């Protein structure tokens, strides 16, 4: 038996890096809410304010596909549905851009909230950082 060990049985510590089910549920909801919100915001922007932003005309018109590619794909029914959507390309571009910006903002907010409300970065056996005050070096 070593010098620092004990023969008494100790309970194992709880797992440290386990995500709470509540946080997992919020993340799952956000995976569904963010794309839907982004699509709705893209619909609003394409229909109103974005008209004066000088967007390419291909983004605001109906999508097109070459006839040869359409005959090879075998998805003529799906493609006819997609061709009925005006400004589909612009909506997809805006949706992806909004999702990236919204995801970045949520990451920053979550990180800040975690530093305020999360556990301490030091464990019970860590030594606190030293309080060393040095003088300014003068020649």
C-alpha atoms as a PDB file:
ATOM      1  CA  UNK A   1       0.000   0.000   0.000  1.00  0.00           C
ATOM      2  CA  UNK A   2       1.376   3.396  -0.909  1.00  0.00           C
ATOM      3  CA  UNK A   3       1.857   6.322   1.416  1.00  0.00           C
ATOM      4  CA  UNK A   4      -1.092   8.427   0.170  1.00  0.00           C
ATOM      5  CA  UNK A   5      -3.707   5.763  -0.446  1.00  0.00           C
ATOM      6  CA  UNK A   6      -6.328   4.607   2.001  1.00  0.00           C
ATOM      7  CA  UNK A   7      -7.909   1.213   2.508  1.00  0.00           C
ATOM      8  CA  UNK A   8     -11.329   2.856   2.964  1.00  0.00           C
ATOM      9  CA  UNK A   9     -13.667   2.496  -0.012  1.00  0.00           C
ATOM     10  CA  UNK A  10     -14.431   5.799  -1.737  1.00  0.00           C
ATOM     11  CA  UNK A  11     -17.376   6.434  -4.019  1.00  0.00           C
ATOM     12  CA  UNK A  12     -16.334   7.305  -7.562  1.00  0.00           C
ATOM     13  CA  UNK A  13     -16.709  10.966  -8.519  1.00  0.00           C
ATOM     14  CA  UNK A  14     -19.578  11.862 -10.864  1.00  0.00           C
ATOM     15  CA  UNK A  15     -18.719  12.102 -14.560  1.00  0.00           C
ATOM     16  CA  UNK A  16     -17.501  15.606 -15.387  1.00  0.00           C
ATOM     17  CA  UNK A  17     -18.131  16.001 -19.107  1.00  0.00           C
ATOM     18  CA  UNK A  18     -21.719  14.792 -19.283  1.00  0.00           C
ATOM     19  CA  UNK A  19     -24.243  17.070 -20.993  1.00  0.00           C
ATOM     20  CA  UNK A  20     -27.501  17.670 -19.178  1.00  0.00           C
ATOM     21  CA  UNK A  21     -30.631  16.247 -20.867  1.00  0.00           C
ATOM     22  CA  UNK A  22     -32.209  19.703 -20.663  1.00  0.00           C
ATOM     23  CA  UNK A  23     -29.339  21.224 -22.652  1.00  0.00           C
ATOM     24  CA  UNK A  24     -29.582  18.393 -25.177  1.00  0.00           C
ATOM     25  CA  UNK A  25     -33.314  19.063 -25.556  1.00  0.00           C
ATOM     26  CA  UNK A  26     -32.726  22.764 -26.133  1.00  0.00           C
ATOM     27  CA  UNK A  27     -30.084  21.931 -28.729  1.00  0.00           C
ATOM     28  CA  UNK A  28     -32.467  19.561 -30.495  1.00  0.00           C
ATOM     29  CA  UNK A  29     -35.183  22.217 -30.586  1.00  0.00           C
ATOM     30  CA  UNK A  30     -32.727  24.799 -31.909  1.00  0.00           C
ATOM     31  CA  UNK A  31     -31.753  22.436 -34.732  1.00  0.00           C
ATOM     32  CA  UNK A  32     -35.388  22.581 -35.874  1.00  0.00           C
ATOM     33  CA  UNK A  33     -36.203  26.199 -34.996  1.00  0.00           C
ATOM     34  CA  UNK A  34     -33.178  27.966 -36.528  1.00  0.00           C
ATOM     35  CA  UNK A  35     -33.704  26.719 -40.135  1.00  0.00           C
ATOM     36  CA  UNK A  36     -37.449  27.429 -40.013  1.00  0.00           C
ATOM     37  CA  UNK A  37     -36.845  30.920 -38.619  1.00  0.00           C
ATOM     38  CA  UNK A  38     -34.111  31.532 -41.206  1.00  0.00           C
ATOM     39  CA  UNK A  39     -36.396  30.444 -44.063  1.00  0.00           C
ATOM     40  CA  UNK A  40     -39.206  32.718 -42.813  1.00  0.00           C
ATOM     41  CA  UNK A  41     -36.831  35.669 -42.493  1.00  0.00           C
ATOM     42  CA  UNK A  42     -35.456  34.975 -45.982  1.00  0.00           C
ATOM     43  CA  UNK A  43     -39.020  34.914 -47.366  1.00  0.00           C
ATOM     44  CA  UNK A  44     -39.661  38.295 -45.725  1.00  0.00           C
ATOM     45  CA  UNK A  45     -36.397  39.824 -46.946  1.00  0.00           C
ATOM     46  CA  UNK A  46     -36.802  38.596 -50.534  1.00  0.00           C
ATOM     47  CA  UNK A  47     -40.422  39.777 -50.686  1.00  0.00           C
ATOM     48  CA  UNK A  48     -39.792  43.252 -49.294  1.00  0.00           C
ATOM     49  CA  UNK A  49     -36.588  45.006 -48.253  1.00  0.00           C
ATOM     50  CA  UNK A  50     -34.129  42.995 -50.341  1.00  0.00           C
ATOM     51  CA  UNK A  51     -35.727  44.095 -53.627  1.00  0.00           C
ATOM     52  CA  UNK A  52     -33.756  47.337 -53.549  1.00  0.00           C
ATOM     53  CA  UNK A  53     -30.433  45.771 -52.566  1.00  0.00           C
ATOM     54  CA  UNK A  54     -29.253  45.144 -56.119  1.00  0.00           C
ATOM     55  CA  UNK A  55     -29.484  41.358 -55.996  1.00  0.00           C
ATOM     56  CA  UNK A  56     -28.699  39.363 -59.141  1.00  0.00           C
ATOM     57  CA  UNK A  57     -31.813  38.844 -61.263  1.00  0.00           C
ATOM     58  CA  UNK A  58     -31.185  35.079 -61.314  1.00  0.00           C
ATOM     59  CA  UNK A  59     -31.819  34.992 -57.556  1.00  0.00           C
ATOM     60  CA  UNK A  60     -35.203  36.688 -57.877  1.00  0.00           C
ATOM     61  CA  UNK A  61     -36.576  34.760 -60.860  1.00  0.00           C
ATOM     62  CA  UNK A  62     -37.778  31.203 -61.238  1.00  0.00           C
ATOM     63  CA  UNK A  63     -35.091  28.479 -61.138  1.00  0.00           C
ATOM     64  CA  UNK A  64     -34.158  26.862 -64.452  1.00  0.00           C
ATOM     65  CA  UNK A  65     -32.530  23.575 -65.353  1.00  0.00           C
ATOM     66  CA  UNK A  66     -31.250  22.389 -68.736  1.00  0.00           C
ATOM     67  CA  UNK A  67     -33.725  19.999 -70.451  1.00  0.00           C
ATOM     68  CA  UNK A  68     -31.076  17.274 -70.945  1.00  0.00           C
ATOM     69  CA  UNK A  69     -30.282  17.225 -67.232  1.00  0.00           C
ATOM     70  CA  UNK A  70     -33.992  17.184 -66.436  1.00  0.00           C
ATOM     71  CA  UNK A  71     -34.537  14.112 -68.627  1.00  0.00           C
ATOM     72  CA  UNK A  72     -31.551  12.315 -67.060  1.00  0.00           C
ATOM     73  CA  UNK A  73     -32.547  12.983 -63.476  1.00  0.00           C
ATOM     74  CA  UNK A  74     -36.032  11.449 -63.593  1.00  0.00           C
ATOM     75  CA  UNK A  75     -37.247  14.005 -61.058  1.00  0.00           C
ATOM     76  CA  UNK A  76     -39.528  15.955 -63.356  1.00  0.00           C
ATOM     77  CA  UNK A  77     -42.388  15.981 -60.812  1.00  0.00           C
ATOM     78  CA  UNK A  78     -40.206  17.390 -58.045  1.00  0.00           C
ATOM     79  CA  UNK A  79     -38.610  19.856 -60.411  1.00  0.00           C
ATOM     80  CA  UNK A  80     -41.987  21.131 -61.614  1.00  0.00           C
ATOM     81  CA  UNK A  81     -42.888  21.819 -57.970  1.00  0.00           C
ATOM     82  CA  UNK A  82     -39.612  23.670 -57.400  1.00  0.00           C
ATOM     83  CA  UNK A  83     -40.042  25.702 -60.581  1.00  0.00           C
ATOM     84  CA  UNK A  84     -43.310  27.069 -59.186  1.00  0.00           C
ATOM     85  CA  UNK A  85     -41.383  28.724 -56.304  1.00  0.00           C
ATOM     86  CA  UNK A  86     -40.416  32.304 -57.184  1.00  0.00           C
ATOM     87  CA  UNK A  87     -36.967  33.494 -56.044  1.00  0.00           C
ATOM     88  CA  UNK A  88     -36.001  30.024 -54.771  1.00  0.00           C
ATOM     89  CA  UNK A  89     -32.276  30.629 -55.301  1.00  0.00           C
ATOM     90  CA  UNK A  90     -32.361  33.902 -53.382  1.00  0.00           C
ATOM     91  CA  UNK A  91     -34.327  32.311 -50.547  1.00  0.00           C
ATOM     92  CA  UNK A  92     -31.821  29.474 -50.242  1.00  0.00           C
ATOM     93  CA  UNK A  93     -28.839  31.865 -50.264  1.00  0.00           C
ATOM     94  CA  UNK A  94     -30.439  34.144 -47.671  1.00  0.00           C
ATOM     95  CA  UNK A  95     -31.472  31.169 -45.511  1.00  0.00           C
ATOM     96  CA  UNK A  96     -27.934  29.780 -45.380  1.00  0.00           C
ATOM     97  CA  UNK A  97     -26.462  33.216 -44.625  1.00  0.00           C
ATOM     98  CA  UNK A  98     -28.988  33.862 -41.844  1.00  0.00           C
ATOM     99  CA  UNK A  99     -28.356  30.410 -40.357  1.00  0.00           C
ATOM    100  CA  UNK A 100     -24.597  31.069 -40.242  1.00  0.00           C
ATOM    101  CA  UNK A 101     -25.027  34.496 -38.615  1.00  0.00           C
ATOM    102  CA  UNK A 102     -27.655  33.253 -36.165  1.00  0.00           C
ATOM    103  CA  UNK A 103     -25.529  30.244 -35.236  1.00  0.00           C
ATOM    104  CA  UNK A 104     -22.529  32.501 -34.582  1.00  0.00           C
ATOM    105  CA  UNK A 105     -24.550  34.868 -32.408  1.00  0.00           C
ATOM    106  CA  UNK A 106     -26.021  31.983 -30.418  1.00  0.00           C
ATOM    107  CA  UNK A 107     -22.552  30.506 -29.913  1.00  0.00           C
ATOM    108  CA  UNK A 108     -21.239  33.795 -28.526  1.00  0.00           C
ATOM    109  CA  UNK A 109     -24.256  34.236 -26.230  1.00  0.00           C
ATOM    110  CA  UNK A 110     -24.038  30.615 -25.020  1.00  0.00           C
ATOM    111  CA  UNK A 111     -20.310  30.939 -24.346  1.00  0.00           C
ATOM    112  CA  UNK A 112     -20.790  34.127 -22.375  1.00  0.00           C
ATOM    113  CA  UNK A 113     -23.661  32.612 -20.365  1.00  0.00           C
ATOM    114  CA  UNK A 114     -21.579  29.505 -19.675  1.00  0.00           C
ATOM    115  CA  UNK A 115     -18.722  31.581 -18.264  1.00  0.00           C
ATOM    116  CA  UNK A 116     -21.168  33.395 -15.970  1.00  0.00           C
ATOM    117  CA  UNK A 117     -23.357  30.476 -14.894  1.00  0.00           C
ATOM    118  CA  UNK A 118     -21.198  27.407 -15.515  1.00  0.00           C
ATOM    119  CA  UNK A 119     -18.999  25.564 -13.065  1.00  0.00           C
ATOM    120  CA  UNK A 120     -15.692  26.973 -11.890  1.00  0.00           C
ATOM    121  CA  UNK A 121     -12.776  26.369 -14.191  1.00  0.00           C
ATOM    122  CA  UNK A 122     -10.740  25.206 -11.199  1.00  0.00           C
ATOM    123  CA  UNK A 123     -11.452  21.915  -9.494  1.00  0.00           C
ATOM    124  CA  UNK A 124     -11.309  21.258  -5.739  1.00  0.00           C
ATOM    125  CA  UNK A 125      -7.685  20.112  -5.940  1.00  0.00           C
ATOM    126  CA  UNK A 126      -6.385  22.979  -8.101  1.00  0.00           C
ATOM    127  CA  UNK A 127      -4.178  25.674  -6.672  1.00  0.00           C
ATOM    128  CA  UNK A 128      -5.488  29.200  -7.254  1.00  0.00           C
ATOM    129  CA  UNK A 129      -3.482  31.331  -9.689  1.00  0.00           C
ATOM    130  CA  UNK A 130      -0.651  33.266  -8.058  1.00  0.00           C
ATOM    131  CA  UNK A 131      -1.098  36.943  -7.245  1.00  0.00           C
ATOM    132  CA  UNK A 132       2.277  38.202  -8.388  1.00  0.00           C
ATOM    133  CA  UNK A 133       2.752  41.918  -8.863  1.00  0.00           C
ATOM    134  CA  UNK A 134       5.925  42.799 -10.689  1.00  0.00           C
ATOM    135  CA  UNK A 135       7.505  46.184 -10.958  1.00  0.00           C
ATOM    136  CA  UNK A 136       7.985  47.797 -14.317  1.00  0.00           C
ATOM    137  CA  UNK A 137      11.508  47.189 -15.560  1.00  0.00           C
ATOM    138  CA  UNK A 138      13.586  50.364 -15.933  1.00  0.00           C
ATOM    139  CA  UNK A 139      17.065  50.543 -17.392  1.00  0.00           C
END
